């Protein structure tokens, strides 16, 4: 059996070690709890996305582009009518774009953020018109058939 005298030659454990161990243990508990909560949130987001995809909610995601604007938002920013069947007055869109873009020039006291929104709005409308025109051309080609240019020698 050991007595108090057995520790004479050895250094006594410092209270600092005990404090360090408590800090490490409490930190690991907090990290574990945060990781567990993050995992729960990721699972919930995943199941929500799966349900949205099944119920047709995925169609709404296609209305936005990388700019994050819907066509309706873009038309409101530039104060133009939405394109109908791929047709819109692009001159009016460009006129409104130039006017608003120039009014929001940062050197004249405007806002770079607003300029960016105006530019993204114009790009979104152009994308919509371009896609509609491409689809109309493809439909026309399907109706009339593909007629390649054949060169005879």
C-alpha atoms as a PDB file:
ATOM      1  CA  UNK A   1       0.000   0.000   0.000  1.00  0.00           C
ATOM      2  CA  UNK A   2       1.195   3.500  -0.788  1.00  0.00           C
ATOM      3  CA  UNK A   3       1.529   6.221   1.729  1.00  0.00           C
ATOM      4  CA  UNK A   4       2.043   9.954   1.504  1.00  0.00           C
ATOM      5  CA  UNK A   5       5.749   9.461   1.749  1.00  0.00           C
ATOM      6  CA  UNK A   6       5.829   7.485  -1.539  1.00  0.00           C
ATOM      7  CA  UNK A   7       5.297  10.722  -3.511  1.00  0.00           C
ATOM      8  CA  UNK A   8       8.250  12.507  -1.914  1.00  0.00           C
ATOM      9  CA  UNK A   9      10.535  12.228  -4.890  1.00  0.00           C
ATOM     10  CA  UNK A  10       7.879  12.978  -7.519  1.00  0.00           C
ATOM     11  CA  UNK A  11       6.218  16.303  -8.340  1.00  0.00           C
ATOM     12  CA  UNK A  12       2.604  16.630  -7.290  1.00  0.00           C
ATOM     13  CA  UNK A  13       0.013  16.928 -10.101  1.00  0.00           C
ATOM     14  CA  UNK A  14      -0.602  20.558 -10.826  1.00  0.00           C
ATOM     15  CA  UNK A  15      -4.096  22.056 -10.612  1.00  0.00           C
ATOM     16  CA  UNK A  16      -3.465  23.560 -14.059  1.00  0.00           C
ATOM     17  CA  UNK A  17      -3.652  20.112 -15.638  1.00  0.00           C
ATOM     18  CA  UNK A  18      -7.069  19.584 -14.100  1.00  0.00           C
ATOM     19  CA  UNK A  19      -8.250  22.954 -15.445  1.00  0.00           C
ATOM     20  CA  UNK A  20      -6.901  22.189 -18.931  1.00  0.00           C
ATOM     21  CA  UNK A  21      -8.673  18.839 -18.940  1.00  0.00           C
ATOM     22  CA  UNK A  22     -11.951  20.496 -17.935  1.00  0.00           C
ATOM     23  CA  UNK A  23     -11.593  23.026 -20.749  1.00  0.00           C
ATOM     24  CA  UNK A  24     -10.866  20.288 -23.295  1.00  0.00           C
ATOM     25  CA  UNK A  25     -13.788  18.155 -22.148  1.00  0.00           C
ATOM     26  CA  UNK A  26     -16.302  21.007 -22.091  1.00  0.00           C
ATOM     27  CA  UNK A  27     -15.061  22.206 -25.496  1.00  0.00           C
ATOM     28  CA  UNK A  28     -15.467  18.765 -27.002  1.00  0.00           C
ATOM     29  CA  UNK A  29     -18.992  18.521 -25.561  1.00  0.00           C
ATOM     30  CA  UNK A  30     -19.903  21.882 -27.101  1.00  0.00           C
ATOM     31  CA  UNK A  31     -18.394  20.859 -30.453  1.00  0.00           C
ATOM     32  CA  UNK A  32     -20.302  17.577 -30.369  1.00  0.00           C
ATOM     33  CA  UNK A  33     -23.589  19.342 -29.650  1.00  0.00           C
ATOM     34  CA  UNK A  34     -22.999  21.861 -32.468  1.00  0.00           C
ATOM     35  CA  UNK A  35     -22.124  19.072 -34.902  1.00  0.00           C
ATOM     36  CA  UNK A  36     -25.255  17.149 -33.915  1.00  0.00           C
ATOM     37  CA  UNK A  37     -27.442  20.242 -34.457  1.00  0.00           C
ATOM     38  CA  UNK A  38     -25.834  20.975 -37.844  1.00  0.00           C
ATOM     39  CA  UNK A  39     -26.464  17.397 -38.916  1.00  0.00           C
ATOM     40  CA  UNK A  40     -30.134  17.674 -37.930  1.00  0.00           C
ATOM     41  CA  UNK A  41     -30.494  20.889 -39.952  1.00  0.00           C
ATOM     42  CA  UNK A  42     -28.811  19.308 -42.978  1.00  0.00           C
ATOM     43  CA  UNK A  43     -31.164  16.333 -42.790  1.00  0.00           C
ATOM     44  CA  UNK A  44     -34.192  18.621 -42.545  1.00  0.00           C
ATOM     45  CA  UNK A  45     -33.041  20.688 -45.528  1.00  0.00           C
ATOM     46  CA  UNK A  46     -32.412  17.538 -47.534  1.00  0.00           C
ATOM     47  CA  UNK A  47     -35.856  16.103 -46.830  1.00  0.00           C
ATOM     48  CA  UNK A  48     -37.467  19.490 -47.573  1.00  0.00           C
ATOM     49  CA  UNK A  49     -35.690  19.668 -50.937  1.00  0.00           C
ATOM     50  CA  UNK A  50     -36.750  16.118 -51.763  1.00  0.00           C
ATOM     51  CA  UNK A  51     -40.387  16.908 -50.953  1.00  0.00           C
ATOM     52  CA  UNK A  52     -40.273  20.113 -53.005  1.00  0.00           C
ATOM     53  CA  UNK A  53     -38.897  18.160 -55.950  1.00  0.00           C
ATOM     54  CA  UNK A  54     -41.670  15.557 -55.713  1.00  0.00           C
ATOM     55  CA  UNK A  55     -44.485  18.073 -55.420  1.00  0.00           C
ATOM     56  CA  UNK A  56     -43.400  20.166 -58.388  1.00  0.00           C
ATOM     57  CA  UNK A  57     -41.793  22.899 -56.310  1.00  0.00           C
ATOM     58  CA  UNK A  58     -38.689  22.437 -58.425  1.00  0.00           C
ATOM     59  CA  UNK A  59     -40.289  24.473 -61.182  1.00  0.00           C
ATOM     60  CA  UNK A  60     -39.908  27.645 -59.135  1.00  0.00           C
ATOM     61  CA  UNK A  61     -36.158  27.107 -58.966  1.00  0.00           C
ATOM     62  CA  UNK A  62     -36.002  27.301 -62.761  1.00  0.00           C
ATOM     63  CA  UNK A  63     -37.514  30.781 -62.806  1.00  0.00           C
ATOM     64  CA  UNK A  64     -34.369  32.195 -61.250  1.00  0.00           C
ATOM     65  CA  UNK A  65     -30.981  32.364 -62.878  1.00  0.00           C
ATOM     66  CA  UNK A  66     -27.551  32.810 -61.392  1.00  0.00           C
ATOM     67  CA  UNK A  67     -28.424  36.473 -60.855  1.00  0.00           C
ATOM     68  CA  UNK A  68     -31.192  35.484 -58.469  1.00  0.00           C
ATOM     69  CA  UNK A  69     -33.902  37.547 -60.184  1.00  0.00           C
ATOM     70  CA  UNK A  70     -37.216  36.316 -61.458  1.00  0.00           C
ATOM     71  CA  UNK A  71     -38.570  37.703 -64.689  1.00  0.00           C
ATOM     72  CA  UNK A  72     -41.241  39.611 -62.785  1.00  0.00           C
ATOM     73  CA  UNK A  73     -38.632  41.255 -60.534  1.00  0.00           C
ATOM     74  CA  UNK A  74     -36.505  42.187 -63.549  1.00  0.00           C
ATOM     75  CA  UNK A  75     -39.482  43.814 -65.279  1.00  0.00           C
ATOM     76  CA  UNK A  76     -40.353  45.766 -62.151  1.00  0.00           C
ATOM     77  CA  UNK A  77     -36.782  47.038 -61.789  1.00  0.00           C
ATOM     78  CA  UNK A  78     -36.698  48.334 -65.373  1.00  0.00           C
ATOM     79  CA  UNK A  79     -40.390  49.295 -65.356  1.00  0.00           C
ATOM     80  CA  UNK A  80     -41.209  47.404 -68.568  1.00  0.00           C
ATOM     81  CA  UNK A  81     -43.892  44.892 -69.486  1.00  0.00           C
ATOM     82  CA  UNK A  82     -42.960  41.210 -69.265  1.00  0.00           C
ATOM     83  CA  UNK A  83     -42.245  39.525 -72.599  1.00  0.00           C
ATOM     84  CA  UNK A  84     -45.305  37.821 -74.061  1.00  0.00           C
ATOM     85  CA  UNK A  85     -44.569  34.716 -76.124  1.00  0.00           C
ATOM     86  CA  UNK A  86     -40.934  35.719 -76.326  1.00  0.00           C
ATOM     87  CA  UNK A  87     -41.700  39.120 -77.799  1.00  0.00           C
ATOM     88  CA  UNK A  88     -40.823  42.369 -76.073  1.00  0.00           C
ATOM     89  CA  UNK A  89     -39.718  45.829 -77.050  1.00  0.00           C
ATOM     90  CA  UNK A  90     -35.955  45.469 -76.539  1.00  0.00           C
ATOM     91  CA  UNK A  91     -35.420  49.100 -77.540  1.00  0.00           C
ATOM     92  CA  UNK A  92     -37.548  50.166 -74.581  1.00  0.00           C
ATOM     93  CA  UNK A  93     -35.679  47.761 -72.299  1.00  0.00           C
ATOM     94  CA  UNK A  94     -32.311  49.156 -73.444  1.00  0.00           C
ATOM     95  CA  UNK A  95     -33.551  52.744 -73.136  1.00  0.00           C
ATOM     96  CA  UNK A  96     -34.732  52.177 -69.547  1.00  0.00           C
ATOM     97  CA  UNK A  97     -31.533  50.286 -68.757  1.00  0.00           C
ATOM     98  CA  UNK A  98     -29.242  53.057 -70.021  1.00  0.00           C
ATOM     99  CA  UNK A  99     -31.208  55.756 -68.249  1.00  0.00           C
ATOM    100  CA  UNK A 100     -31.287  53.976 -64.870  1.00  0.00           C
ATOM    101  CA  UNK A 101     -27.699  52.769 -65.178  1.00  0.00           C
ATOM    102  CA  UNK A 102     -26.430  56.281 -65.868  1.00  0.00           C
ATOM    103  CA  UNK A 103     -28.536  57.785 -63.066  1.00  0.00           C
ATOM    104  CA  UNK A 104     -26.937  55.379 -60.589  1.00  0.00           C
ATOM    105  CA  UNK A 105     -23.336  56.071 -61.599  1.00  0.00           C
ATOM    106  CA  UNK A 106     -21.278  55.933 -58.369  1.00  0.00           C
ATOM    107  CA  UNK A 107     -19.177  58.933 -59.466  1.00  0.00           C
ATOM    108  CA  UNK A 108     -22.387  60.979 -59.588  1.00  0.00           C
ATOM    109  CA  UNK A 109     -23.495  59.879 -56.147  1.00  0.00           C
ATOM    110  CA  UNK A 110     -25.294  56.743 -57.278  1.00  0.00           C
ATOM    111  CA  UNK A 111     -25.039  53.200 -56.031  1.00  0.00           C
ATOM    112  CA  UNK A 112     -22.939  50.382 -57.468  1.00  0.00           C
ATOM    113  CA  UNK A 113     -25.391  47.920 -55.909  1.00  0.00           C
ATOM    114  CA  UNK A 114     -28.318  49.462 -57.795  1.00  0.00           C
ATOM    115  CA  UNK A 115     -26.295  49.484 -60.985  1.00  0.00           C
ATOM    116  CA  UNK A 116     -25.659  45.776 -60.506  1.00  0.00           C
ATOM    117  CA  UNK A 117     -29.362  45.078 -59.975  1.00  0.00           C
ATOM    118  CA  UNK A 118     -30.250  47.070 -63.092  1.00  0.00           C
ATOM    119  CA  UNK A 119     -27.675  45.179 -65.147  1.00  0.00           C
ATOM    120  CA  UNK A 120     -28.905  41.804 -63.849  1.00  0.00           C
ATOM    121  CA  UNK A 121     -32.491  42.794 -64.631  1.00  0.00           C
ATOM    122  CA  UNK A 122     -31.587  43.590 -68.245  1.00  0.00           C
ATOM    123  CA  UNK A 123     -29.650  40.330 -68.552  1.00  0.00           C
ATOM    124  CA  UNK A 124     -32.601  38.368 -67.138  1.00  0.00           C
ATOM    125  CA  UNK A 125     -35.038  39.863 -69.651  1.00  0.00           C
ATOM    126  CA  UNK A 126     -32.589  39.244 -72.502  1.00  0.00           C
ATOM    127  CA  UNK A 127     -32.183  35.641 -71.357  1.00  0.00           C
ATOM    128  CA  UNK A 128     -35.944  35.115 -71.325  1.00  0.00           C
ATOM    129  CA  UNK A 129     -36.361  36.580 -74.809  1.00  0.00           C
ATOM    130  CA  UNK A 130     -33.393  34.622 -76.171  1.00  0.00           C
ATOM    131  CA  UNK A 131     -34.707  31.350 -74.732  1.00  0.00           C
ATOM    132  CA  UNK A 132     -38.182  31.971 -76.149  1.00  0.00           C
ATOM    133  CA  UNK A 133     -36.744  32.763 -79.589  1.00  0.00           C
ATOM    134  CA  UNK A 134     -34.575  29.644 -79.492  1.00  0.00           C
ATOM    135  CA  UNK A 135     -37.598  27.534 -78.561  1.00  0.00           C
ATOM    136  CA  UNK A 136     -39.708  29.087 -81.342  1.00  0.00           C
ATOM    137  CA  UNK A 137     -36.942  28.410 -83.890  1.00  0.00           C
ATOM    138  CA  UNK A 138     -36.659  24.828 -82.681  1.00  0.00           C
ATOM    139  CA  UNK A 139     -40.441  24.325 -82.908  1.00  0.00           C
ATOM    140  CA  UNK A 140     -40.446  25.798 -86.416  1.00  0.00           C
ATOM    141  CA  UNK A 141     -37.659  23.458 -87.455  1.00  0.00           C
ATOM    142  CA  UNK A 142     -39.547  20.483 -86.034  1.00  0.00           C
ATOM    143  CA  UNK A 143     -42.721  21.454 -87.916  1.00  0.00           C
ATOM    144  CA  UNK A 144     -41.035  22.158 -91.242  1.00  0.00           C
ATOM    145  CA  UNK A 145     -38.288  19.606 -90.953  1.00  0.00           C
ATOM    146  CA  UNK A 146     -34.565  20.104 -91.099  1.00  0.00           C
ATOM    147  CA  UNK A 147     -33.378  21.324 -94.468  1.00  0.00           C
ATOM    148  CA  UNK A 148     -29.615  21.155 -94.684  1.00  0.00           C
ATOM    149  CA  UNK A 149     -27.805  23.020 -97.412  1.00  0.00           C
ATOM    150  CA  UNK A 150     -26.521  20.434 -99.827  1.00  0.00           C
ATOM    151  CA  UNK A 151     -23.848  21.420-102.308  1.00  0.00           C
ATOM    152  CA  UNK A 152     -23.762  19.471-105.557  1.00  0.00           C
ATOM    153  CA  UNK A 153     -20.628  19.324-107.600  1.00  0.00           C
END
